[in-house]
N, C-alpha and C. Protein backbone atom coordinates (compact mmCIF):
# COMPACT_ATOMS: atom_id res chain seq x y z
N MET A 1 0.82 -1.19 -0.01
CA MET A 1 -0.02 -0.01 0.03
C MET A 1 0.93 1.29 -0.03
N ALA A 2 0.72 2.07 -0.98
CA ALA A 2 1.50 3.28 -1.09
C ALA A 2 1.22 4.30 0.00
N ASN A 3 2.22 5.02 0.38
CA ASN A 3 2.11 6.02 1.41
C ASN A 3 1.75 5.56 2.78
N GLU A 4 1.93 4.23 3.02
CA GLU A 4 1.65 3.62 4.34
C GLU A 4 2.58 4.29 5.38
N CYS A 5 3.83 4.64 4.97
CA CYS A 5 4.78 5.16 5.88
C CYS A 5 4.33 6.47 6.54
N SER A 6 3.59 7.30 5.78
CA SER A 6 3.09 8.55 6.32
C SER A 6 2.07 8.32 7.48
N LYS A 7 1.44 7.23 7.40
CA LYS A 7 0.44 6.88 8.46
C LYS A 7 1.11 6.25 9.72
N LEU A 8 2.22 5.51 9.46
CA LEU A 8 2.91 4.82 10.52
C LEU A 8 3.83 5.67 11.30
N ASN A 9 4.41 6.71 10.64
CA ASN A 9 5.41 7.51 11.22
C ASN A 9 4.80 8.74 11.92
N PRO A 10 4.78 8.82 13.23
CA PRO A 10 4.21 9.96 13.91
C PRO A 10 5.03 11.24 13.62
N ASP A 11 6.27 11.17 13.21
CA ASP A 11 7.04 12.32 12.93
C ASP A 11 7.22 12.56 11.42
N CYS A 12 6.35 11.99 10.59
CA CYS A 12 6.43 12.11 9.17
C CYS A 12 6.51 13.61 8.79
N MET A 13 7.41 13.88 7.84
CA MET A 13 7.54 15.26 7.43
C MET A 13 6.30 15.81 6.79
N MET A 14 5.48 14.93 6.20
CA MET A 14 4.22 15.34 5.59
C MET A 14 3.31 15.94 6.70
N LYS A 15 3.36 15.43 7.89
CA LYS A 15 2.54 15.91 8.99
C LYS A 15 2.99 17.30 9.49
N ASN A 16 4.22 17.67 9.05
CA ASN A 16 4.76 19.02 9.38
C ASN A 16 4.78 19.91 8.21
N ASN A 17 3.98 19.58 7.21
CA ASN A 17 3.88 20.32 5.95
C ASN A 17 5.18 20.54 5.18
N ILE A 18 6.02 19.46 5.26
CA ILE A 18 7.24 19.41 4.50
C ILE A 18 7.05 18.37 3.35
N GLN A 19 7.38 18.85 2.15
CA GLN A 19 7.14 17.98 0.98
C GLN A 19 8.02 16.73 1.06
N CYS A 20 7.42 15.59 0.77
CA CYS A 20 8.14 14.32 0.78
C CYS A 20 8.18 13.76 -0.64
N PRO A 21 9.29 13.56 -1.25
CA PRO A 21 9.36 13.04 -2.58
C PRO A 21 8.80 11.59 -2.70
N ALA A 22 8.93 10.79 -1.68
CA ALA A 22 8.35 9.44 -1.67
C ALA A 22 6.80 9.53 -1.76
N PHE A 23 6.27 10.36 -0.91
CA PHE A 23 4.80 10.55 -0.89
C PHE A 23 4.30 11.05 -2.18
N ASP A 24 5.05 12.10 -2.74
CA ASP A 24 4.63 12.67 -4.07
C ASP A 24 4.68 11.63 -5.17
N ALA A 25 5.57 10.66 -5.08
CA ALA A 25 5.70 9.64 -6.10
C ALA A 25 4.70 8.49 -5.86
N GLY A 26 3.96 8.57 -4.76
CA GLY A 26 2.99 7.53 -4.48
C GLY A 26 3.63 6.26 -3.96
N LYS A 27 4.78 6.41 -3.30
CA LYS A 27 5.55 5.26 -2.77
C LYS A 27 5.76 5.44 -1.23
N ASN A 28 6.11 4.32 -0.66
CA ASN A 28 6.59 4.29 0.73
C ASN A 28 7.99 4.68 0.78
N CYS A 29 8.47 5.15 1.94
CA CYS A 29 9.85 5.63 2.02
C CYS A 29 10.88 4.52 1.67
N TRP A 30 10.52 3.26 2.06
CA TRP A 30 11.42 2.20 1.82
C TRP A 30 11.40 1.70 0.35
N GLU A 31 10.42 2.17 -0.44
CA GLU A 31 10.32 1.84 -1.85
C GLU A 31 10.94 2.89 -2.77
N TYR A 32 11.16 4.06 -2.23
CA TYR A 32 11.60 5.24 -3.02
C TYR A 32 13.12 5.19 -3.17
N ASP A 33 13.59 5.63 -4.38
CA ASP A 33 15.02 5.72 -4.64
C ASP A 33 15.41 7.12 -4.26
N TRP A 34 16.09 7.29 -3.07
CA TRP A 34 16.48 8.56 -2.56
C TRP A 34 17.78 9.02 -3.19
N LEU A 35 18.52 8.24 -3.86
CA LEU A 35 19.84 8.58 -4.39
C LEU A 35 19.83 9.83 -5.24
N PRO A 36 18.95 9.96 -6.24
CA PRO A 36 18.99 11.19 -7.08
C PRO A 36 18.85 12.47 -6.25
N MET A 37 17.98 12.45 -5.25
CA MET A 37 17.77 13.61 -4.41
C MET A 37 19.10 13.97 -3.71
N PHE A 38 19.71 12.97 -3.13
CA PHE A 38 20.93 13.20 -2.41
C PHE A 38 22.08 13.61 -3.29
N GLN A 39 22.13 13.07 -4.48
CA GLN A 39 23.20 13.40 -5.39
C GLN A 39 23.13 14.91 -5.82
N GLY A 40 21.92 15.48 -5.80
CA GLY A 40 21.72 16.85 -6.21
C GLY A 40 21.89 17.85 -5.08
N MET A 41 22.15 17.42 -3.86
CA MET A 41 22.24 18.32 -2.69
C MET A 41 23.65 18.91 -2.59
N PRO A 42 23.71 20.14 -2.09
CA PRO A 42 25.05 20.64 -1.66
C PRO A 42 25.63 19.78 -0.59
N GLN A 43 26.90 19.69 -0.47
CA GLN A 43 27.61 18.75 0.43
C GLN A 43 27.11 18.88 1.88
N GLN A 44 27.03 20.10 2.40
CA GLN A 44 26.61 20.30 3.78
C GLN A 44 25.20 19.78 4.04
N GLU A 45 24.27 20.10 3.11
CA GLU A 45 22.92 19.63 3.24
C GLU A 45 22.88 18.07 3.17
N LYS A 46 23.66 17.54 2.26
CA LYS A 46 23.72 16.09 2.09
C LYS A 46 24.20 15.42 3.37
N GLU A 47 25.23 15.95 4.03
CA GLU A 47 25.75 15.39 5.25
C GLU A 47 24.67 15.42 6.36
N GLN A 48 23.95 16.53 6.44
CA GLN A 48 22.89 16.65 7.46
C GLN A 48 21.81 15.64 7.21
N ALA A 49 21.39 15.53 5.94
CA ALA A 49 20.35 14.57 5.60
C ALA A 49 20.81 13.11 5.86
N LYS A 50 22.06 12.82 5.55
CA LYS A 50 22.57 11.46 5.80
C LYS A 50 22.55 11.16 7.29
N GLN A 51 22.96 12.08 8.10
CA GLN A 51 22.95 11.90 9.54
C GLN A 51 21.53 11.71 10.06
N PHE A 52 20.58 12.51 9.54
CA PHE A 52 19.17 12.37 9.93
C PHE A 52 18.66 10.98 9.59
N MET A 53 18.86 10.55 8.37
CA MET A 53 18.32 9.24 7.95
C MET A 53 18.96 8.12 8.76
N THR A 54 20.20 8.18 9.01
CA THR A 54 20.92 7.14 9.79
C THR A 54 20.41 7.08 11.25
N ALA A 55 20.11 8.22 11.78
CA ALA A 55 19.67 8.27 13.19
C ALA A 55 18.15 8.00 13.32
N LYS A 56 17.36 8.54 12.42
CA LYS A 56 15.89 8.49 12.61
C LYS A 56 15.18 7.29 11.95
N CYS A 57 15.60 6.95 10.74
CA CYS A 57 14.86 5.90 9.97
C CYS A 57 14.77 4.57 10.75
N PRO A 58 15.86 4.05 11.28
CA PRO A 58 15.80 2.73 11.99
C PRO A 58 14.90 2.78 13.21
N GLN A 59 14.65 3.94 13.73
CA GLN A 59 13.76 4.05 14.94
C GLN A 59 12.30 4.24 14.57
N CYS A 60 12.03 4.39 13.33
CA CYS A 60 10.66 4.75 12.89
C CYS A 60 9.79 3.51 12.75
N ALA A 61 8.48 3.64 13.08
CA ALA A 61 7.53 2.55 13.00
C ALA A 61 7.36 2.10 11.51
N ALA A 62 7.66 2.92 10.60
CA ALA A 62 7.50 2.63 9.17
C ALA A 62 8.76 1.94 8.61
N TYR A 63 9.82 1.83 9.36
CA TYR A 63 11.10 1.28 8.91
C TYR A 63 10.92 -0.18 8.41
N ARG A 64 11.48 -0.41 7.24
CA ARG A 64 11.47 -1.74 6.59
C ARG A 64 12.89 -2.03 6.10
N GLU A 65 13.26 -3.26 6.07
CA GLU A 65 14.60 -3.72 5.64
C GLU A 65 15.17 -3.05 4.42
N PRO A 66 14.38 -2.89 3.33
CA PRO A 66 14.94 -2.17 2.15
C PRO A 66 15.49 -0.81 2.46
N MET A 67 14.94 -0.19 3.46
CA MET A 67 15.46 1.19 3.78
C MET A 67 16.92 1.15 4.28
N GLN A 68 17.29 0.03 4.98
CA GLN A 68 18.66 -0.08 5.47
C GLN A 68 19.64 -0.14 4.25
N LYS A 69 19.24 -0.89 3.22
CA LYS A 69 20.10 -0.94 2.01
C LYS A 69 20.21 0.47 1.37
N MET A 70 19.10 1.18 1.39
CA MET A 70 19.14 2.58 0.80
C MET A 70 20.05 3.46 1.65
N ILE A 71 19.95 3.38 2.95
CA ILE A 71 20.76 4.17 3.79
C ILE A 71 22.28 3.89 3.58
N GLU A 72 22.59 2.61 3.37
CA GLU A 72 23.96 2.19 3.10
C GLU A 72 24.46 2.83 1.78
N ARG A 73 23.58 2.84 0.79
CA ARG A 73 23.92 3.41 -0.51
C ARG A 73 24.14 4.96 -0.42
N ILE A 74 23.27 5.58 0.37
CA ILE A 74 23.36 7.00 0.58
C ILE A 74 24.66 7.37 1.33
N GLN A 75 24.97 6.59 2.32
CA GLN A 75 26.19 6.81 3.16
C GLN A 75 27.45 6.77 2.29
N ALA A 76 27.39 6.03 1.22
CA ALA A 76 28.56 5.85 0.36
C ALA A 76 28.78 7.08 -0.57
N LEU A 77 27.77 8.01 -0.62
CA LEU A 77 27.90 9.16 -1.49
C LEU A 77 28.96 10.10 -0.95
């Protein structure tokens, strides 16, 4: 079911009126390819986002195993 993550995550950025590319694509966070977004970020913003995902995603109720693989790919950028 698409966008299930926005319902499971009490801290979902959509609930704070922050646009989510996964939500906009009709996908769950663990289904979305985050790499293009990260590749286009300035380095400082990229490092902050990488830290956020590494710290927050595994603690989230919406976390699924595919997200760990995506985090590992993002960390390699």
